[in-house]
């Protein structure tokens, strides 16, 4: 069964990407100006900022993502709300293999490791859809397998 919020997110990102981009920028601004006290949720679920260097621009590109933990690591999905192509932030992350995470008022560097098919990916996918069920809807709305990665803090 598809979720209504997942279908709406897909529609907005497909038909009105500029509005979604502007709303995301505003949420990032709220998050940063409040030290993570505001703008730290989406549909009642926790979020965080991932800053990854653009693969062509070389500039930091912040994005708000759903906060899903696996122990000390974070789990992320390049869902793009079920669009046919992966999001730019995912392509940037896979090119850089490193990024900065911002949760509340804490920032640290992480490395990214994409998970291929198998038990580890299956476990991570279950964590994602448990934390944010719309990921399951996004998978139903696209023919591509939504990629999953683990973000691990750099010591």
C-alpha atoms as a PDB file:
ATOM      1  CA  UNK A   1       0.000   0.000   0.000  1.00  0.00           C
ATOM      2  CA  UNK A   2       1.327   3.443  -0.936  1.00  0.00           C
ATOM      3  CA  UNK A   3       1.253   6.294   1.537  1.00  0.00           C
ATOM      4  CA  UNK A   4      -0.535   9.532   0.710  1.00  0.00           C
ATOM      5  CA  UNK A   5       2.403  11.621   1.939  1.00  0.00           C
ATOM      6  CA  UNK A   6       4.810   9.588  -0.207  1.00  0.00           C
ATOM      7  CA  UNK A   7       2.686  10.116  -3.308  1.00  0.00           C
ATOM      8  CA  UNK A   8       2.394  13.851  -2.561  1.00  0.00           C
ATOM      9  CA  UNK A   9       6.162  14.165  -2.088  1.00  0.00           C
ATOM     10  CA  UNK A  10       6.680  12.373  -5.393  1.00  0.00           C
ATOM     11  CA  UNK A  11       4.216  14.654  -7.173  1.00  0.00           C
ATOM     12  CA  UNK A  12       5.777  17.812  -5.720  1.00  0.00           C
ATOM     13  CA  UNK A  13       9.346  16.780  -6.531  1.00  0.00           C
ATOM     14  CA  UNK A  14       8.366  15.747 -10.061  1.00  0.00           C
ATOM     15  CA  UNK A  15       6.084  18.649 -10.999  1.00  0.00           C
ATOM     16  CA  UNK A  16       7.311  21.471  -8.763  1.00  0.00           C
ATOM     17  CA  UNK A  17      11.028  20.891  -8.072  1.00  0.00           C
ATOM     18  CA  UNK A  18      11.784  24.613  -7.652  1.00  0.00           C
ATOM     19  CA  UNK A  19       9.216  24.913  -4.858  1.00  0.00           C
ATOM     20  CA  UNK A  20      10.655  21.830  -3.121  1.00  0.00           C
ATOM     21  CA  UNK A  21      14.183  23.218  -3.502  1.00  0.00           C
ATOM     22  CA  UNK A  22      13.128  26.576  -2.025  1.00  0.00           C
ATOM     23  CA  UNK A  23      11.354  24.891   0.902  1.00  0.00           C
ATOM     24  CA  UNK A  24      14.431  22.773   1.597  1.00  0.00           C
ATOM     25  CA  UNK A  25      16.688  25.849   1.583  1.00  0.00           C
ATOM     26  CA  UNK A  26      14.329  27.553   4.021  1.00  0.00           C
ATOM     27  CA  UNK A  27      14.327  24.526   6.332  1.00  0.00           C
ATOM     28  CA  UNK A  28      18.150  24.431   6.274  1.00  0.00           C
ATOM     29  CA  UNK A  29      18.244  28.139   7.124  1.00  0.00           C
ATOM     30  CA  UNK A  30      15.822  27.617  10.047  1.00  0.00           C
ATOM     31  CA  UNK A  31      17.828  24.641  11.271  1.00  0.00           C
ATOM     32  CA  UNK A  32      21.161  26.445  11.167  1.00  0.00           C
ATOM     33  CA  UNK A  33      19.969  29.761  12.574  1.00  0.00           C
ATOM     34  CA  UNK A  34      18.397  27.998  15.565  1.00  0.00           C
ATOM     35  CA  UNK A  35      21.253  25.575  16.266  1.00  0.00           C
ATOM     36  CA  UNK A  36      19.052  22.684  15.218  1.00  0.00           C
ATOM     37  CA  UNK A  37      16.124  23.605  17.480  1.00  0.00           C
ATOM     38  CA  UNK A  38      13.845  24.449  14.501  1.00  0.00           C
ATOM     39  CA  UNK A  39      13.569  22.816  11.104  1.00  0.00           C
ATOM     40  CA  UNK A  40      14.756  19.520  12.549  1.00  0.00           C
ATOM     41  CA  UNK A  41      11.687  17.505  11.528  1.00  0.00           C
ATOM     42  CA  UNK A  42       9.703  16.624   8.439  1.00  0.00           C
ATOM     43  CA  UNK A  43       6.194  15.218   8.903  1.00  0.00           C
ATOM     44  CA  UNK A  44       7.015  14.716  12.576  1.00  0.00           C
ATOM     45  CA  UNK A  45      10.134  12.650  11.819  1.00  0.00           C
ATOM     46  CA  UNK A  46      13.683  13.781  12.711  1.00  0.00           C
ATOM     47  CA  UNK A  47      15.955  15.210  10.033  1.00  0.00           C
ATOM     48  CA  UNK A  48      19.587  16.242   9.696  1.00  0.00           C
ATOM     49  CA  UNK A  49      21.757  18.216   7.286  1.00  0.00           C
ATOM     50  CA  UNK A  50      24.237  16.512   5.006  1.00  0.00           C
ATOM     51  CA  UNK A  51      26.814  18.839   3.447  1.00  0.00           C
ATOM     52  CA  UNK A  52      28.506  17.226   0.473  1.00  0.00           C
ATOM     53  CA  UNK A  53      30.836  18.851  -2.046  1.00  0.00           C
ATOM     54  CA  UNK A  54      29.334  19.248  -5.514  1.00  0.00           C
ATOM     55  CA  UNK A  55      31.075  17.011  -8.034  1.00  0.00           C
ATOM     56  CA  UNK A  56      31.285  19.771 -10.660  1.00  0.00           C
ATOM     57  CA  UNK A  57      31.089  22.964  -8.603  1.00  0.00           C
ATOM     58  CA  UNK A  58      33.429  21.968  -5.787  1.00  0.00           C
ATOM     59  CA  UNK A  59      31.113  23.917  -3.467  1.00  0.00           C
ATOM     60  CA  UNK A  60      29.369  22.502  -0.379  1.00  0.00           C
ATOM     61  CA  UNK A  61      25.790  21.480  -1.150  1.00  0.00           C
ATOM     62  CA  UNK A  62      23.562  21.070   1.921  1.00  0.00           C
ATOM     63  CA  UNK A  63      20.509  18.833   1.897  1.00  0.00           C
ATOM     64  CA  UNK A  64      17.986  17.857   4.589  1.00  0.00           C
ATOM     65  CA  UNK A  65      17.636  14.112   5.024  1.00  0.00           C
ATOM     66  CA  UNK A  66      15.620  11.835   7.246  1.00  0.00           C
ATOM     67  CA  UNK A  67      17.528  10.872  10.395  1.00  0.00           C
ATOM     68  CA  UNK A  68      17.759   7.087  10.543  1.00  0.00           C
ATOM     69  CA  UNK A  69      20.375   5.555  12.807  1.00  0.00           C
ATOM     70  CA  UNK A  70      22.087   2.180  12.803  1.00  0.00           C
ATOM     71  CA  UNK A  71      23.994   2.238  16.045  1.00  0.00           C
ATOM     72  CA  UNK A  72      26.555   5.052  15.714  1.00  0.00           C
ATOM     73  CA  UNK A  73      26.110   5.178  11.918  1.00  0.00           C
ATOM     74  CA  UNK A  74      23.452   6.901   9.829  1.00  0.00           C
ATOM     75  CA  UNK A  75      21.499   5.244   7.020  1.00  0.00           C
ATOM     76  CA  UNK A  76      20.583   7.298   3.954  1.00  0.00           C
ATOM     77  CA  UNK A  77      18.650   6.521   0.783  1.00  0.00           C
ATOM     78  CA  UNK A  78      18.922   8.242  -2.591  1.00  0.00           C
ATOM     79  CA  UNK A  79      15.168   8.097  -3.052  1.00  0.00           C
ATOM     80  CA  UNK A  80      14.409  11.491  -4.611  1.00  0.00           C
ATOM     81  CA  UNK A  81      10.808  10.740  -3.611  1.00  0.00           C
ATOM     82  CA  UNK A  82      10.677   7.913  -6.148  1.00  0.00           C
ATOM     83  CA  UNK A  83      11.771   9.932  -9.175  1.00  0.00           C
ATOM     84  CA  UNK A  84      13.342   7.985 -12.066  1.00  0.00           C
ATOM     85  CA  UNK A  85      16.840   9.360 -11.418  1.00  0.00           C
ATOM     86  CA  UNK A  86      18.816   9.570  -8.185  1.00  0.00           C
ATOM     87  CA  UNK A  87      19.108  12.980  -6.523  1.00  0.00           C
ATOM     88  CA  UNK A  88      22.143  15.172  -7.161  1.00  0.00           C
ATOM     89  CA  UNK A  89      23.184  14.979  -3.518  1.00  0.00           C
ATOM     90  CA  UNK A  90      23.483  11.182  -3.905  1.00  0.00           C
ATOM     91  CA  UNK A  91      25.664  11.507  -7.007  1.00  0.00           C
ATOM     92  CA  UNK A  92      27.819  14.061  -5.181  1.00  0.00           C
ATOM     93  CA  UNK A  93      28.118  11.798  -2.135  1.00  0.00           C
ATOM     94  CA  UNK A  94      29.122   8.785  -4.202  1.00  0.00           C
ATOM     95  CA  UNK A  95      31.739  10.881  -6.041  1.00  0.00           C
ATOM     96  CA  UNK A  96      33.170  12.429  -2.851  1.00  0.00           C
ATOM     97  CA  UNK A  97      32.729   9.413  -0.529  1.00  0.00           C
ATOM     98  CA  UNK A  98      32.864  11.934   2.325  1.00  0.00           C
ATOM     99  CA  UNK A  99      30.556  14.595   3.733  1.00  0.00           C
ATOM    100  CA  UNK A 100      29.710  16.559   6.856  1.00  0.00           C
ATOM    101  CA  UNK A 101      26.716  15.723   9.018  1.00  0.00           C
ATOM    102  CA  UNK A 102      24.904  18.262  11.197  1.00  0.00           C
ATOM    103  CA  UNK A 103      22.540  17.007  13.883  1.00  0.00           C
ATOM    104  CA  UNK A 104      21.190  19.532  16.364  1.00  0.00           C
ATOM    105  CA  UNK A 105      24.209  21.760  17.010  1.00  0.00           C
ATOM    106  CA  UNK A 106      26.838  19.038  16.410  1.00  0.00           C
ATOM    107  CA  UNK A 107      28.840  18.630  13.186  1.00  0.00           C
ATOM    108  CA  UNK A 108      31.219  15.876  12.132  1.00  0.00           C
ATOM    109  CA  UNK A 109      32.743  14.308   9.027  1.00  0.00           C
ATOM    110  CA  UNK A 110      31.487  10.977   7.720  1.00  0.00           C
ATOM    111  CA  UNK A 111      32.509   8.529   5.054  1.00  0.00           C
ATOM    112  CA  UNK A 112      29.893   6.955   2.823  1.00  0.00           C
ATOM    113  CA  UNK A 113      29.644   3.292   1.951  1.00  0.00           C
ATOM    114  CA  UNK A 114      26.976   2.223  -0.547  1.00  0.00           C
ATOM    115  CA  UNK A 115      25.293  -1.071   0.271  1.00  0.00           C
ATOM    116  CA  UNK A 116      24.776  -3.591  -2.491  1.00  0.00           C
ATOM    117  CA  UNK A 117      22.163  -6.340  -2.509  1.00  0.00           C
ATOM    118  CA  UNK A 118      22.372  -8.640   0.463  1.00  0.00           C
ATOM    119  CA  UNK A 119      21.527  -8.947   4.145  1.00  0.00           C
ATOM    120  CA  UNK A 120      23.246  -5.700   5.202  1.00  0.00           C
ATOM    121  CA  UNK A 121      21.287  -3.684   2.620  1.00  0.00           C
ATOM    122  CA  UNK A 122      18.067  -5.481   3.540  1.00  0.00           C
ATOM    123  CA  UNK A 123      18.599  -4.639   7.221  1.00  0.00           C
ATOM    124  CA  UNK A 124      19.378  -0.999   6.420  1.00  0.00           C
ATOM    125  CA  UNK A 125      16.325  -0.767   4.130  1.00  0.00           C
ATOM    126  CA  UNK A 126      14.117  -2.073   6.954  1.00  0.00           C
ATOM    127  CA  UNK A 127      15.526   0.597   9.272  1.00  0.00           C
ATOM    128  CA  UNK A 128      14.742   3.246   6.645  1.00  0.00           C
ATOM    129  CA  UNK A 129      11.148   2.199   6.077  1.00  0.00           C
ATOM    130  CA  UNK A 130      10.564   1.735   9.814  1.00  0.00           C
ATOM    131  CA  UNK A 131      11.864   5.246  10.493  1.00  0.00           C
ATOM    132  CA  UNK A 132      10.153   6.814   7.501  1.00  0.00           C
ATOM    133  CA  UNK A 133       7.542   4.566   5.818  1.00  0.00           C
ATOM    134  CA  UNK A 134       7.322   6.803   2.716  1.00  0.00           C
ATOM    135  CA  UNK A 135      10.557   5.203   1.489  1.00  0.00           C
ATOM    136  CA  UNK A 136       8.520   2.073   0.697  1.00  0.00           C
ATOM    137  CA  UNK A 137       6.131   4.196  -1.368  1.00  0.00           C
ATOM    138  CA  UNK A 138       9.039   5.823  -3.200  1.00  0.00           C
ATOM    139  CA  UNK A 139      10.364   2.380  -4.135  1.00  0.00           C
ATOM    140  CA  UNK A 140       6.964   1.422  -5.542  1.00  0.00           C
ATOM    141  CA  UNK A 141       6.875   4.609  -7.630  1.00  0.00           C
ATOM    142  CA  UNK A 142      10.179   4.022  -9.442  1.00  0.00           C
ATOM    143  CA  UNK A 143      11.648   1.248 -11.564  1.00  0.00           C
ATOM    144  CA  UNK A 144      15.170   1.806 -10.204  1.00  0.00           C
ATOM    145  CA  UNK A 145      16.351   0.246  -6.974  1.00  0.00           C
ATOM    146  CA  UNK A 146      16.690   3.082  -4.487  1.00  0.00           C
ATOM    147  CA  UNK A 147      20.321   3.149  -3.378  1.00  0.00           C
ATOM    148  CA  UNK A 148      21.222   2.926   0.299  1.00  0.00           C
ATOM    149  CA  UNK A 149      24.417   3.994   2.079  1.00  0.00           C
ATOM    150  CA  UNK A 150      25.865   3.957   5.547  1.00  0.00           C
ATOM    151  CA  UNK A 151      27.485   7.125   6.877  1.00  0.00           C
ATOM    152  CA  UNK A 152      30.232   6.429   9.404  1.00  0.00           C
ATOM    153  CA  UNK A 153      31.845   9.086  11.591  1.00  0.00           C
ATOM    154  CA  UNK A 154      35.507   9.741  10.810  1.00  0.00           C
ATOM    155  CA  UNK A 155      37.627   9.341  13.956  1.00  0.00           C
END
